[in-house]
Amino acid sequence: MTRPATPRAPRAAPRLKTFERYVLAEIAPLLFGALAAVIALLVVASLERYLAPLLAKGAPPLLVARLLALNVPEAAARALPIALMFAVLLGLSRLAADSEIKSALAAGIPATRLYRPVLILAAAVTTLAFALGEGLVPRAQTQIGEVQRQIVLANPRVLGLGEQNVVLRDALGRAISIGQILPGGELRDLRIVTMQDSLPPREVITAREGRLVPGSTTLTLKDGQRVTYQDARPVTILSFREGTLPLQDTGTDLGSAAQARPVNDPLPTLWARVNTYRTQGVQAPAEFTALHQKFAAPLAALALAFFGVSLAVFSFRSGRNVGFVWALMLTFAYYATYSVFNVMGEKGALPGAVAAYAPDLVAVLAGSLLLWLSARR
């Protein structure tokens, strides 16, 4: 006679997978929303501080819009870890407030199972942030330079944004000083100096007025003088009524949000430059800090996700709730900490590695402390 089959207890694995998917479904929409909000804030800040004056000076709106769009990849790379922490804090806080974490505990799922789905999501965010920093951001920086040059050629008045003594540089090592920019794109009191490394200028051209030829990189000069030097002594002096000067790849800086920053250079380029500086004994704290930030900035997603889950577990076990305001304040606190350490690293007040990884380390230590405190409850 056969025994009736003993019913098996339901396995916990399906419940765990369902719980993890539920946690991700709670956080993912908040991540996209927070990411969009942070990018919008960064872009709006650029629009108000830099791009609005460009429009006021008569820059073509389509070129300004393109310049604005090219700032988005860098803003996204910077915003991803911060948006993730905000989404984790807010999403898990809602789960705790609605007693859904308590229900998971009652079903036999430990609160620490929150870490797995969130850290998997954080690893994906880390990979995406690094890919943006190495892929889209460097290409966007190159295109930004091209758009800036197009804006200048379309309307030279934007060069100074209302300031005097604007200085441009081109690929031939020439410094082009403009004393005054008048309405209509007329330039006054120009001085073009051809520089030599560690040597006096090789050539100096001065002109009473000039103008950039629309649609080209040619500078027309009027009523000027050209002086060539050898061993810091003038060799030839030539006066002219009118002449043209071709420019080569002017390094125009319109003060946009995407100014040339070492961290935006491709990793191989930055690595080679840093090695050159080390070999020559050159102190370049901005480049050294940027090299470490290439890795520390994306890894911030993992550090902040760990802190966010630890805080959620601690809040649940202590009966406290982390609401929207606290999530916003903690997000701002991390951004402020990151900014302070970044400035200290770029100025040489801290070693580059310390400045880059310190904010991540602070987040991990704070999360570990919260996890230890929650385990004692």
Protein backbone atom coordinates (compact mmCIF):
# COMPACT_ATOMS: atom_id res chain seq x y z
CA MET A 1 0.00 0.00 0.00
CA THR A 2 1.51 3.29 -1.07
CA ARG A 3 1.78 6.24 1.24
CA PRO A 4 0.13 9.48 0.26
CA ALA A 5 2.69 12.01 -0.95
CA THR A 6 3.76 14.47 1.70
CA PRO A 7 3.08 18.02 0.56
CA ARG A 8 6.28 20.02 0.12
CA ALA A 9 6.75 23.44 1.59
CA PRO A 10 6.83 26.14 -1.05
CA ARG A 11 10.34 27.16 -1.99
CA ALA A 12 11.54 30.58 -0.92
CA ALA A 13 13.38 31.27 -4.17
CA PRO A 14 10.32 32.28 -6.20
CA ARG A 15 9.20 34.58 -3.40
CA LEU A 16 12.66 36.11 -3.26
CA LYS A 17 12.75 36.73 -6.99
CA THR A 18 9.28 38.23 -6.89
CA PHE A 19 10.30 40.47 -3.98
CA GLU A 20 13.46 41.61 -5.78
CA ARG A 21 11.53 42.40 -8.95
CA TYR A 22 9.03 44.34 -6.86
CA VAL A 23 11.81 46.39 -5.26
CA LEU A 24 13.32 47.18 -8.67
CA ALA A 25 9.92 48.12 -10.04
CA GLU A 26 9.57 50.57 -7.16
CA ILE A 27 12.99 52.18 -7.63
CA ALA A 28 13.35 52.25 -11.43
CA PRO A 29 10.65 54.88 -12.17
CA LEU A 30 12.03 57.09 -9.40
CA LEU A 31 15.52 56.70 -10.87
CA PHE A 32 14.39 57.88 -14.30
CA GLY A 33 12.42 60.73 -12.77
CA ALA A 34 15.28 61.85 -10.54
CA LEU A 35 17.75 61.56 -13.43
CA ALA A 36 15.57 63.75 -15.63
CA ALA A 37 15.17 66.29 -12.82
CA VAL A 38 18.91 66.52 -12.07
CA ILE A 39 19.80 66.82 -15.77
CA ALA A 40 17.16 69.52 -16.17
CA LEU A 41 18.56 71.44 -13.19
CA LEU A 42 22.10 71.29 -14.55
CA VAL A 43 20.99 72.33 -18.03
CA VAL A 44 18.77 75.15 -16.75
CA ALA A 45 21.68 76.43 -14.66
CA SER A 46 23.82 76.47 -17.81
CA LEU A 47 21.06 78.22 -19.73
CA GLU A 48 20.68 80.95 -17.14
CA ARG A 49 24.37 81.51 -16.49
CA TYR A 50 25.96 81.06 -19.91
CA LEU A 51 23.57 80.39 -22.77
CA ALA A 52 21.07 83.19 -22.11
CA PRO A 53 23.84 85.82 -22.54
CA LEU A 54 24.77 84.15 -25.83
CA LEU A 55 21.22 84.58 -27.08
CA ALA A 56 21.17 88.16 -25.81
CA LYS A 57 24.30 88.89 -27.84
CA GLY A 58 22.67 87.62 -31.02
CA ALA A 59 23.98 84.05 -31.24
CA PRO A 60 21.92 81.86 -33.61
CA PRO A 61 19.23 80.09 -31.53
CA LEU A 62 19.69 76.77 -33.36
CA LEU A 63 23.41 76.70 -32.55
CA VAL A 64 22.71 77.62 -28.93
CA ALA A 65 20.12 74.82 -28.74
CA ARG A 66 22.68 72.39 -30.13
CA LEU A 67 25.24 73.60 -27.59
CA LEU A 68 22.67 72.99 -24.87
CA ALA A 69 21.93 69.46 -26.12
CA LEU A 70 25.63 68.59 -26.23
CA ASN A 71 25.88 69.33 -22.51
CA VAL A 72 23.37 66.57 -21.71
CA PRO A 73 25.78 63.56 -21.86
CA GLU A 74 28.12 65.08 -19.27
CA ALA A 75 25.16 66.10 -17.10
CA ALA A 76 23.77 62.56 -17.32
CA ALA A 77 27.10 60.96 -16.35
CA ARG A 78 27.34 63.24 -13.32
CA ALA A 79 23.68 62.83 -12.36
CA LEU A 80 23.33 59.04 -12.53
CA PRO A 81 24.84 58.10 -9.10
CA ILE A 82 23.08 61.00 -7.36
CA ALA A 83 19.74 60.15 -8.96
CA LEU A 84 20.16 56.51 -7.92
CA MET A 85 20.69 57.39 -4.27
CA PHE A 86 17.64 59.65 -4.28
CA ALA A 87 15.52 56.93 -5.92
CA VAL A 88 16.71 54.26 -3.45
CA LEU A 89 16.05 56.45 -0.42
CA LEU A 90 12.60 57.49 -1.60
CA GLY A 91 11.54 54.10 -2.98
CA LEU A 92 12.56 52.04 0.04
CA SER A 93 11.12 54.67 2.36
CA ARG A 94 7.75 54.23 0.69
CA LEU A 95 7.99 50.45 1.01
CA ALA A 96 8.73 50.81 4.73
CA ALA A 97 5.96 53.39 5.26
CA ASP A 98 3.40 51.11 3.59
CA SER A 99 4.52 48.13 5.73
CA GLU A 100 5.58 46.22 2.64
CA ILE A 101 9.00 45.46 4.10
CA LYS A 102 7.19 44.16 7.20
CA SER A 103 5.09 41.90 4.96
CA ALA A 104 8.25 40.58 3.33
CA LEU A 105 9.69 39.78 6.75
CA ALA A 106 6.49 37.96 7.68
CA ALA A 107 6.84 35.87 4.50
CA GLY A 108 10.33 34.80 5.56
CA ILE A 109 12.32 37.23 3.41
CA PRO A 110 15.05 39.01 5.44
CA ALA A 111 15.38 42.76 5.13
CA THR A 112 18.97 42.34 3.98
CA ARG A 113 17.61 40.85 0.72
CA LEU A 114 17.03 44.45 -0.28
CA TYR A 115 20.73 44.75 -1.04
CA ARG A 116 20.88 42.31 -3.93
CA PRO A 117 18.45 43.96 -6.40
CA VAL A 118 19.61 47.48 -5.51
CA LEU A 119 23.31 46.66 -5.87
CA ILE A 120 22.64 44.90 -9.19
CA LEU A 121 20.90 48.05 -10.38
CA ALA A 122 23.80 50.13 -9.03
CA ALA A 123 26.31 47.99 -10.95
CA ALA A 124 24.33 48.67 -14.15
CA VAL A 125 24.29 52.40 -13.37
CA THR A 126 28.06 52.32 -12.72
CA THR A 127 28.68 50.66 -16.08
CA LEU A 128 26.41 53.15 -17.86
CA ALA A 129 28.06 56.15 -16.19
CA PHE A 130 31.54 54.91 -17.13
CA ALA A 131 30.42 54.20 -20.71
CA LEU A 132 28.99 57.71 -21.00
CA GLY A 133 32.20 59.23 -19.63
CA GLU A 134 34.35 57.31 -22.11
CA GLY A 135 32.03 57.33 -25.11
CA LEU A 136 29.51 60.12 -25.52
CA VAL A 137 31.10 62.78 -23.32
CA PRO A 138 34.48 63.09 -25.15
CA ARG A 139 32.70 63.15 -28.52
CA ALA A 140 30.28 65.77 -27.23
CA GLN A 141 33.19 67.90 -26.03
CA THR A 142 34.72 67.85 -29.52
CA GLN A 143 31.40 68.85 -31.08
CA ILE A 144 30.97 71.62 -28.50
CA GLY A 145 34.20 73.19 -29.69
CA GLU A 146 32.96 73.08 -33.27
CA VAL A 147 29.62 74.65 -32.35
CA GLN A 148 31.36 77.38 -30.36
CA ARG A 149 33.47 78.25 -33.38
CA GLN A 150 30.35 78.37 -35.56
CA ILE A 151 28.70 80.73 -33.07
CA VAL A 152 31.73 83.03 -33.11
CA LEU A 153 31.90 83.06 -36.89
CA ALA A 154 28.19 83.78 -37.14
CA ASN A 155 28.40 86.71 -34.71
CA PRO A 156 31.79 87.75 -33.22
CA ARG A 157 30.01 89.90 -30.59
CA VAL A 158 29.46 86.80 -28.47
CA LEU A 159 33.20 86.46 -27.85
CA GLY A 160 33.38 88.82 -24.95
CA LEU A 161 29.84 88.53 -23.64
CA GLY A 162 30.08 92.23 -22.84
CA GLU A 163 33.69 92.12 -21.57
CA GLN A 164 36.83 93.72 -22.94
CA ASN A 165 40.32 92.32 -23.64
CA VAL A 166 39.14 88.95 -24.96
CA VAL A 167 41.93 86.50 -25.78
CA LEU A 168 41.70 83.66 -28.31
CA ARG A 169 44.30 81.03 -29.14
CA ASP A 170 44.73 78.92 -32.24
CA ALA A 171 46.52 75.70 -33.13
CA LEU A 172 49.61 77.60 -34.33
CA GLY A 173 50.32 78.88 -30.84
CA ARG A 174 49.15 82.42 -31.52
CA ALA A 175 47.43 84.46 -28.82
CA ILE A 176 44.87 86.87 -30.31
CA SER A 177 43.95 89.73 -27.98
CA ILE A 178 40.87 91.81 -28.82
CA GLY A 179 40.60 95.13 -27.02
CA GLN A 180 36.96 95.85 -27.83
CA ILE A 181 34.07 94.18 -29.63
CA LEU A 182 31.58 96.59 -31.17
CA PRO A 183 28.03 95.98 -32.43
CA GLY A 184 28.00 94.35 -35.84
CA GLY A 185 31.07 92.24 -35.10
CA GLU A 186 33.71 94.96 -35.53
CA LEU A 187 36.88 94.30 -33.53
CA ARG A 188 39.18 97.03 -32.22
CA ASP A 189 42.77 97.14 -30.93
CA LEU A 190 43.92 93.68 -31.96
CA ARG A 191 47.23 92.14 -31.00
CA ILE A 192 48.36 88.76 -32.38
CA VAL A 193 51.41 87.23 -30.70
CA THR A 194 53.10 84.08 -32.04
CA MET A 195 54.52 82.32 -28.99
CA GLN A 196 57.46 79.94 -28.62
CA ASP A 197 57.88 77.47 -25.77
CA SER A 198 60.04 79.04 -23.05
CA LEU A 199 61.21 81.74 -25.48
CA PRO A 200 60.22 85.34 -26.22
CA PRO A 201 57.55 85.94 -28.92
CA ARG A 202 58.64 85.25 -32.49
CA GLU A 203 56.14 87.62 -34.13
CA VAL A 204 53.75 90.37 -33.01
CA ILE A 205 51.01 91.81 -35.22
CA THR A 206 48.95 94.80 -34.10
CA ALA A 207 45.97 96.34 -35.87
CA ARG A 208 43.61 99.20 -35.17
CA GLU A 209 40.54 97.24 -36.25
CA GLY A 210 39.51 93.91 -37.73
CA ARG A 211 36.64 91.60 -38.51
CA LEU A 212 36.03 87.87 -38.79
CA VAL A 213 34.88 87.01 -42.31
CA PRO A 214 31.41 85.37 -41.96
CA GLY A 215 31.44 81.65 -42.67
CA SER A 216 35.23 81.30 -42.57
CA THR A 217 38.18 81.33 -40.18
CA THR A 218 39.82 84.36 -41.79
CA LEU A 219 40.48 87.50 -39.79
CA THR A 220 40.76 90.75 -41.76
CA LEU A 221 43.01 93.44 -40.28
CA LYS A 222 43.28 97.17 -41.00
CA ASP A 223 45.90 99.80 -40.16
CA GLY A 224 48.42 97.54 -38.53
CA GLN A 225 52.03 96.60 -38.07
CA ARG A 226 53.93 93.31 -38.16
CA VAL A 227 57.15 92.91 -36.16
CA THR A 228 59.33 89.78 -36.21
CA TYR A 229 61.88 89.05 -33.49
CA GLN A 230 65.08 87.09 -33.09
CA ASP A 231 66.57 86.67 -29.63
CA ALA A 232 64.01 89.16 -28.30
CA ARG A 233 65.24 91.85 -30.73
CA PRO A 234 63.11 93.20 -33.61
CA VAL A 235 64.37 92.06 -37.01
CA THR A 236 61.73 93.33 -39.45
CA ILE A 237 58.98 95.92 -39.09
CA LEU A 238 56.23 96.10 -41.69
CA SER A 239 53.24 98.46 -41.71
CA PHE A 240 50.10 97.65 -43.71
CA ARG A 241 46.77 99.24 -44.53
CA GLU A 242 44.81 96.00 -44.88
CA GLY A 243 45.58 92.29 -44.61
CA THR A 244 44.12 88.89 -43.84
CA LEU A 245 45.14 86.36 -41.21
CA PRO A 246 43.96 82.72 -41.46
CA LEU A 247 43.15 81.18 -38.10
CA GLN A 248 43.75 77.55 -37.27
CA ASP A 249 41.31 75.80 -34.93
CA THR A 250 40.68 78.67 -32.52
CA GLY A 251 40.25 77.47 -28.97
CA THR A 252 37.19 79.60 -28.41
CA ASP A 253 35.78 79.43 -24.91
CA LEU A 254 32.33 80.92 -24.55
CA GLY A 255 32.11 80.00 -20.87
CA SER A 256 29.64 77.20 -21.49
CA ALA A 257 28.88 74.56 -18.90
CA ALA A 258 30.97 72.06 -20.80
CA GLN A 259 34.29 73.83 -20.54
CA ALA A 260 37.33 71.70 -21.24
CA ARG A 261 37.83 69.62 -18.09
CA PRO A 262 40.48 66.90 -17.81
CA VAL A 263 37.91 64.39 -16.56
CA ASN A 264 36.07 64.71 -19.88
CA ASP A 265 39.09 63.57 -21.88
CA PRO A 266 39.22 59.91 -22.99
CA LEU A 267 40.99 57.69 -20.48
CA PRO A 268 43.96 56.79 -22.77
CA THR A 269 44.59 60.48 -23.49
CA LEU A 270 44.39 61.44 -19.82
CA TRP A 271 46.53 58.47 -18.78
CA ALA A 272 49.28 59.39 -21.27
CA ARG A 273 49.25 63.03 -20.15
CA VAL A 274 49.47 62.12 -16.46
CA ASN A 275 52.37 59.73 -17.13
CA THR A 276 54.18 62.50 -19.01
CA TYR A 277 53.67 64.89 -16.10
CA ARG A 278 54.94 62.28 -13.64
CA THR A 279 58.04 61.60 -15.75
CA GLN A 280 58.81 65.30 -16.01
CA GLY A 281 57.99 65.98 -12.35
CA VAL A 282 55.23 68.43 -13.27
CA GLN A 283 52.66 69.23 -10.58
CA ALA A 284 49.24 68.89 -12.22
CA PRO A 285 46.72 68.17 -9.44
CA ALA A 286 43.69 68.73 -11.71
CA GLU A 287 44.81 65.99 -14.10
CA PHE A 288 45.81 63.60 -11.31
CA THR A 289 42.43 64.07 -9.61
CA ALA A 290 40.59 63.67 -12.91
CA LEU A 291 42.34 60.35 -13.59
CA HIS A 292 41.03 58.89 -10.33
CA GLN A 293 37.61 60.45 -10.86
CA LYS A 294 37.30 58.47 -14.08
CA PHE A 295 36.68 55.45 -11.84
CA ALA A 296 35.52 57.02 -8.56
CA ALA A 297 32.60 58.94 -10.09
CA PRO A 298 30.87 55.87 -11.63
CA LEU A 299 31.66 53.73 -8.56
CA ALA A 300 29.76 56.29 -6.49
CA ALA A 301 26.58 54.57 -7.68
CA LEU A 302 27.52 51.38 -5.79
CA ALA A 303 28.61 53.30 -2.68
CA LEU A 304 25.47 55.41 -2.59
CA ALA A 305 23.19 52.44 -3.26
CA PHE A 306 24.76 50.58 -0.33
CA PHE A 307 24.26 53.62 1.89
CA GLY A 308 20.66 54.04 0.73
CA VAL A 309 19.69 50.44 1.51
CA SER A 310 21.49 50.52 4.86
CA LEU A 311 19.60 53.66 5.81
CA ALA A 312 16.30 52.08 4.72
CA VAL A 313 16.95 48.97 6.84
CA PHE A 314 17.96 51.10 9.83
CA SER A 315 14.90 53.34 9.41
CA PHE A 316 12.58 50.34 9.27
CA ARG A 317 14.04 48.69 12.36
CA SER A 318 14.11 51.94 14.31
CA GLY A 319 10.58 52.88 13.33
CA ARG A 320 11.64 56.08 11.56
CA ASN A 321 10.76 57.09 8.04
CA VAL A 322 13.04 58.79 5.51
CA GLY A 323 10.70 61.02 3.56
CA PHE A 324 11.14 63.18 0.49
CA VAL A 325 12.76 66.06 2.37
CA TRP A 326 15.37 63.85 4.03
CA ALA A 327 16.11 62.11 0.75
CA LEU A 328 16.61 65.48 -0.91
CA MET A 329 18.83 66.76 1.92
CA LEU A 330 21.02 63.65 1.92
CA THR A 331 21.38 63.83 -1.86
CA PHE A 332 22.43 67.47 -1.61
CA ALA A 333 24.83 66.63 1.24
CA TYR A 334 26.62 64.07 -0.94
CA TYR A 335 26.82 66.49 -3.88
CA ALA A 336 28.27 69.17 -1.60
CA THR A 337 30.82 66.70 -0.18
CA TYR A 338 31.80 65.60 -3.68
CA SER A 339 32.21 69.22 -4.83
CA VAL A 340 34.38 70.18 -1.85
CA PHE A 341 36.72 67.19 -2.24
CA ASN A 342 36.89 67.76 -5.99
CA VAL A 343 37.96 71.39 -5.57
CA MET A 344 40.52 70.42 -2.94
CA GLY A 345 41.97 67.80 -5.27
CA GLU A 346 42.14 70.14 -8.26
CA LYS A 347 43.85 72.83 -6.16
CA GLY A 348 46.38 70.37 -4.77
CA ALA A 349 45.18 70.56 -1.17
CA LEU A 350 44.61 66.77 -1.18
CA PRO A 351 46.18 63.94 -3.20
CA GLY A 352 44.13 63.11 -6.29
CA ALA A 353 43.20 59.61 -5.12
CA VAL A 354 42.02 60.88 -1.72
CA ALA A 355 39.96 63.67 -3.24
CA ALA A 356 38.33 61.35 -5.79
CA TYR A 357 37.52 58.34 -3.59
CA ALA A 358 36.83 60.09 -0.26
CA PRO A 359 33.10 60.81 -0.96
CA ASP A 360 32.55 57.15 -1.93
CA LEU A 361 34.40 55.96 1.16
CA VAL A 362 32.32 58.24 3.39
CA ALA A 363 29.12 56.76 1.92
CA VAL A 364 30.34 53.16 2.44
CA LEU A 365 31.45 53.83 6.02
CA ALA A 366 28.17 55.56 6.84
CA GLY A 367 26.24 52.63 5.37
CA SER A 368 28.32 50.12 7.33
CA LEU A 369 27.67 52.03 10.56
CA LEU A 370 23.91 52.09 9.90
CA LEU A 371 23.95 48.36 9.12
CA TRP A 372 25.81 47.65 12.38
CA LEU A 373 23.37 49.77 14.37
CA SER A 374 20.35 48.08 12.78
CA ALA A 375 21.81 44.63 13.56
CA ARG A 376 21.94 45.54 17.26
CA ARG A 377 18.23 46.35 17.36
